[in-house]
Amino acid sequence: MVKVSGLADLALRCCFVAVGALLVTLFSAVVVFAESASYEISEIEIQGNRRIDTAAIKLNLKAVPGRVDAALINEDIKTLYKTGYFDQVNAALVNKNGKYCLRYSFVEKPVARKV
């Protein structure tokens, strides 16, 4: 085994992180959508919610399986932020076996607890 100095070790780790990030970017299944485009989606996925029920989230969505556009998705994101339950709301089109799935992912706000 070759012994590597601290600075060289740090540089090597940075290279691995950079290459890993590049590979994730290049081979990601997520399709970035343009503002004016519309898409045919086969399903809507909800992920990252822990306390807020999936059915409650879907009640706030105007997007449904079928034809959607970026303006509708952006409107849904704004509506979900306005509920006050989420720190982060993201939407992505994911190619699943040749069909698009609209995936909403969330980071919920922490629960305030008295100490």
Foldseek 3Di string as FASTA:
>chain_A
DDDDDPVVVVVVVVVVVVVVVVVCVVPPQWDDADQPDKFQAQEEAEEADDPDDPVVLVVLAPDGGGIDGPVSVVVSLVSVVVVVFFPDWDWTWGQDPNGTYIYIYTHTDDDDDDD
